[in-house]
Amino acid sequence: MVARYPNTEVRASGWLRGEELMYGRAAVVSIEMNPGKVVLFGIRPQHRAQTHATLPLLFNALY
């Protein structure tokens, strides 16, 4: 697991729906496959409402 949601106060700023369903769950998961790797995002790092801190997650997964 690459990133996990916190157990309380998932939303730091902005808007969020279903906050109670996200407590402690995986936000980003990386799975080794033969050959390669699969990266699963529980967030939308390319979405315009996300913070700039999520963009490196997307670009590192592509690289």
N, C-alpha and C. Protein backbone atom coordinates (compact mmCIF):
# COMPACT_ATOMS: atom_id res chain seq x y z
N MET A 1 0.84 -1.17 0.00
CA MET A 1 0.00 0.00 0.00
C MET A 1 0.89 1.24 0.00
N VAL A 2 0.61 2.15 -0.88
CA VAL A 2 1.40 3.36 -1.02
C VAL A 2 0.88 4.47 -0.11
N ALA A 3 -0.43 4.64 -0.06
CA ALA A 3 -1.03 5.72 0.74
C ALA A 3 -2.34 5.24 1.35
N ARG A 4 -2.62 5.72 2.56
CA ARG A 4 -3.84 5.35 3.29
C ARG A 4 -4.52 6.62 3.79
N TYR A 5 -5.85 6.60 3.81
CA TYR A 5 -6.60 7.71 4.39
C TYR A 5 -6.47 7.68 5.91
N PRO A 6 -6.47 8.83 6.57
CA PRO A 6 -6.38 8.84 8.03
C PRO A 6 -7.65 8.27 8.67
N ASN A 7 -7.58 7.95 9.95
CA ASN A 7 -8.73 7.37 10.65
C ASN A 7 -9.76 8.41 11.07
N THR A 8 -9.39 9.68 11.06
CA THR A 8 -10.32 10.76 11.37
C THR A 8 -10.02 11.94 10.47
N GLU A 9 -11.00 12.78 10.26
CA GLU A 9 -10.86 14.02 9.49
C GLU A 9 -10.13 13.82 8.16
N VAL A 10 -10.75 13.04 7.29
CA VAL A 10 -10.18 12.76 5.98
C VAL A 10 -10.08 14.04 5.15
N ARG A 11 -11.06 14.89 5.26
CA ARG A 11 -11.09 16.11 4.46
C ARG A 11 -10.25 17.19 5.13
N ALA A 12 -9.23 17.66 4.42
CA ALA A 12 -8.39 18.74 4.93
C ALA A 12 -8.91 20.09 4.47
N SER A 13 -9.43 20.13 3.26
CA SER A 13 -10.03 21.35 2.72
C SER A 13 -10.88 20.96 1.52
N GLY A 14 -11.74 21.85 1.10
CA GLY A 14 -12.58 21.57 -0.06
C GLY A 14 -13.83 20.80 0.30
N TRP A 15 -14.26 19.91 -0.61
CA TRP A 15 -15.49 19.17 -0.42
C TRP A 15 -15.22 17.67 -0.51
N LEU A 16 -16.10 16.88 0.09
CA LEU A 16 -15.94 15.44 0.10
C LEU A 16 -17.28 14.78 0.40
N ARG A 17 -17.57 13.71 -0.30
CA ARG A 17 -18.76 12.90 -0.03
C ARG A 17 -18.32 11.51 0.41
N GLY A 18 -19.03 10.94 1.38
CA GLY A 18 -18.73 9.59 1.86
C GLY A 18 -17.49 9.50 2.72
N GLU A 19 -17.21 10.56 3.44
CA GLU A 19 -16.01 10.62 4.28
C GLU A 19 -15.93 9.44 5.25
N GLU A 20 -17.03 9.07 5.86
CA GLU A 20 -17.03 8.00 6.85
C GLU A 20 -16.67 6.64 6.24
N LEU A 21 -16.84 6.46 4.93
CA LEU A 21 -16.51 5.20 4.27
C LEU A 21 -15.01 5.10 3.95
N MET A 22 -14.28 6.18 4.08
CA MET A 22 -12.88 6.22 3.68
C MET A 22 -11.91 6.08 4.85
N TYR A 23 -12.38 6.19 6.08
CA TYR A 23 -11.50 6.15 7.25
C TYR A 23 -10.61 4.91 7.25
N GLY A 24 -9.28 5.12 7.24
CA GLY A 24 -8.33 4.03 7.35
C GLY A 24 -8.18 3.14 6.13
N ARG A 25 -8.86 3.45 5.05
CA ARG A 25 -8.81 2.61 3.84
C ARG A 25 -7.65 3.03 2.93
N ALA A 26 -7.33 2.18 1.98
CA ALA A 26 -6.25 2.46 1.03
C ALA A 26 -6.65 3.56 0.07
N ALA A 27 -5.74 4.50 -0.17
CA ALA A 27 -5.95 5.57 -1.14
C ALA A 27 -5.21 5.27 -2.44
N VAL A 28 -4.01 4.71 -2.33
CA VAL A 28 -3.20 4.32 -3.50
C VAL A 28 -2.56 2.97 -3.19
N VAL A 29 -2.69 2.02 -4.13
CA VAL A 29 -2.14 0.68 -3.95
C VAL A 29 -1.27 0.36 -5.16
N SER A 30 -0.11 -0.24 -4.93
CA SER A 30 0.78 -0.67 -5.99
C SER A 30 0.91 -2.19 -5.92
N ILE A 31 0.70 -2.86 -7.05
CA ILE A 31 0.71 -4.32 -7.11
C ILE A 31 1.73 -4.75 -8.16
N GLU A 32 2.66 -5.61 -7.76
CA GLU A 32 3.65 -6.15 -8.70
C GLU A 32 2.99 -7.25 -9.53
N MET A 33 3.16 -7.16 -10.84
CA MET A 33 2.64 -8.19 -11.76
C MET A 33 3.84 -8.72 -12.54
N ASN A 34 3.66 -9.81 -13.24
CA ASN A 34 4.74 -10.35 -14.04
C ASN A 34 4.37 -10.25 -15.50
N PRO A 35 4.93 -9.40 -16.28
CA PRO A 35 5.90 -8.36 -15.98
C PRO A 35 5.18 -7.06 -15.65
N GLY A 36 5.82 -6.18 -14.94
CA GLY A 36 5.30 -4.85 -14.69
C GLY A 36 4.70 -4.63 -13.33
N LYS A 37 3.93 -3.56 -13.25
CA LYS A 37 3.34 -3.12 -11.99
C LYS A 37 2.01 -2.44 -12.29
N VAL A 38 1.04 -2.61 -11.42
CA VAL A 38 -0.26 -1.95 -11.53
C VAL A 38 -0.41 -1.00 -10.36
N VAL A 39 -0.77 0.25 -10.62
CA VAL A 39 -1.00 1.23 -9.57
C VAL A 39 -2.47 1.61 -9.60
N LEU A 40 -3.16 1.40 -8.48
CA LEU A 40 -4.59 1.68 -8.37
C LEU A 40 -4.79 2.91 -7.50
N PHE A 41 -5.53 3.87 -8.01
CA PHE A 41 -5.81 5.11 -7.29
C PHE A 41 -7.24 5.11 -6.79
N GLY A 42 -7.44 5.38 -5.51
CA GLY A 42 -8.77 5.58 -4.95
C GLY A 42 -9.17 7.04 -5.02
N ILE A 43 -8.26 7.85 -5.54
CA ILE A 43 -8.49 9.28 -5.73
C ILE A 43 -8.31 9.59 -7.20
N ARG A 44 -8.64 10.79 -7.61
CA ARG A 44 -8.43 11.19 -8.99
C ARG A 44 -7.33 12.26 -9.02
N PRO A 45 -6.06 11.86 -9.14
CA PRO A 45 -4.97 12.83 -9.06
C PRO A 45 -4.96 13.82 -10.22
N GLN A 46 -5.58 13.49 -11.32
CA GLN A 46 -5.62 14.39 -12.47
C GLN A 46 -6.79 15.37 -12.40
N HIS A 47 -7.68 15.20 -11.45
CA HIS A 47 -8.88 16.03 -11.34
C HIS A 47 -8.52 17.45 -10.91
N ARG A 48 -9.17 18.42 -11.44
CA ARG A 48 -8.82 19.82 -11.17
C ARG A 48 -9.07 20.25 -9.73
N ALA A 49 -9.88 19.51 -8.96
CA ALA A 49 -10.16 19.89 -7.58
C ALA A 49 -9.14 19.29 -6.60
N GLN A 50 -8.24 18.44 -7.08
CA GLN A 50 -7.22 17.85 -6.20
C GLN A 50 -6.10 18.85 -5.97
N THR A 51 -5.37 18.66 -4.89
CA THR A 51 -4.24 19.54 -4.59
C THR A 51 -3.06 19.21 -5.50
N HIS A 52 -2.10 20.11 -5.56
CA HIS A 52 -0.91 19.88 -6.37
C HIS A 52 -0.05 18.75 -5.81
N ALA A 53 -0.25 18.39 -4.57
CA ALA A 53 0.52 17.31 -3.96
C ALA A 53 0.15 15.94 -4.54
N THR A 54 -1.01 15.81 -5.19
CA THR A 54 -1.40 14.53 -5.76
C THR A 54 -0.80 14.29 -7.14
N LEU A 55 -0.35 15.33 -7.81
CA LEU A 55 0.20 15.17 -9.16
C LEU A 55 1.45 14.30 -9.20
N PRO A 56 2.38 14.40 -8.24
CA PRO A 56 3.53 13.48 -8.28
C PRO A 56 3.13 12.01 -8.20
N LEU A 57 2.05 11.69 -7.52
CA LEU A 57 1.58 10.30 -7.48
C LEU A 57 1.26 9.81 -8.88
N LEU A 58 0.57 10.62 -9.65
CA LEU A 58 0.21 10.26 -11.01
C LEU A 58 1.45 10.15 -11.90
N PHE A 59 2.30 11.15 -11.87
CA PHE A 59 3.47 11.15 -12.74
C PHE A 59 4.48 10.05 -12.37
N ASN A 60 4.64 9.76 -11.10
CA ASN A 60 5.52 8.65 -10.69
C ASN A 60 4.96 7.31 -11.14
N ALA A 61 3.65 7.15 -11.14
CA ALA A 61 3.04 5.92 -11.62
C ALA A 61 3.25 5.75 -13.12
N LEU A 62 3.19 6.84 -13.87
CA LEU A 62 3.41 6.78 -15.31
C LEU A 62 4.87 6.51 -15.65
N TYR A 63 5.77 7.05 -14.84
CA TYR A 63 7.19 6.89 -15.09
C TYR A 63 7.61 5.48 -14.81
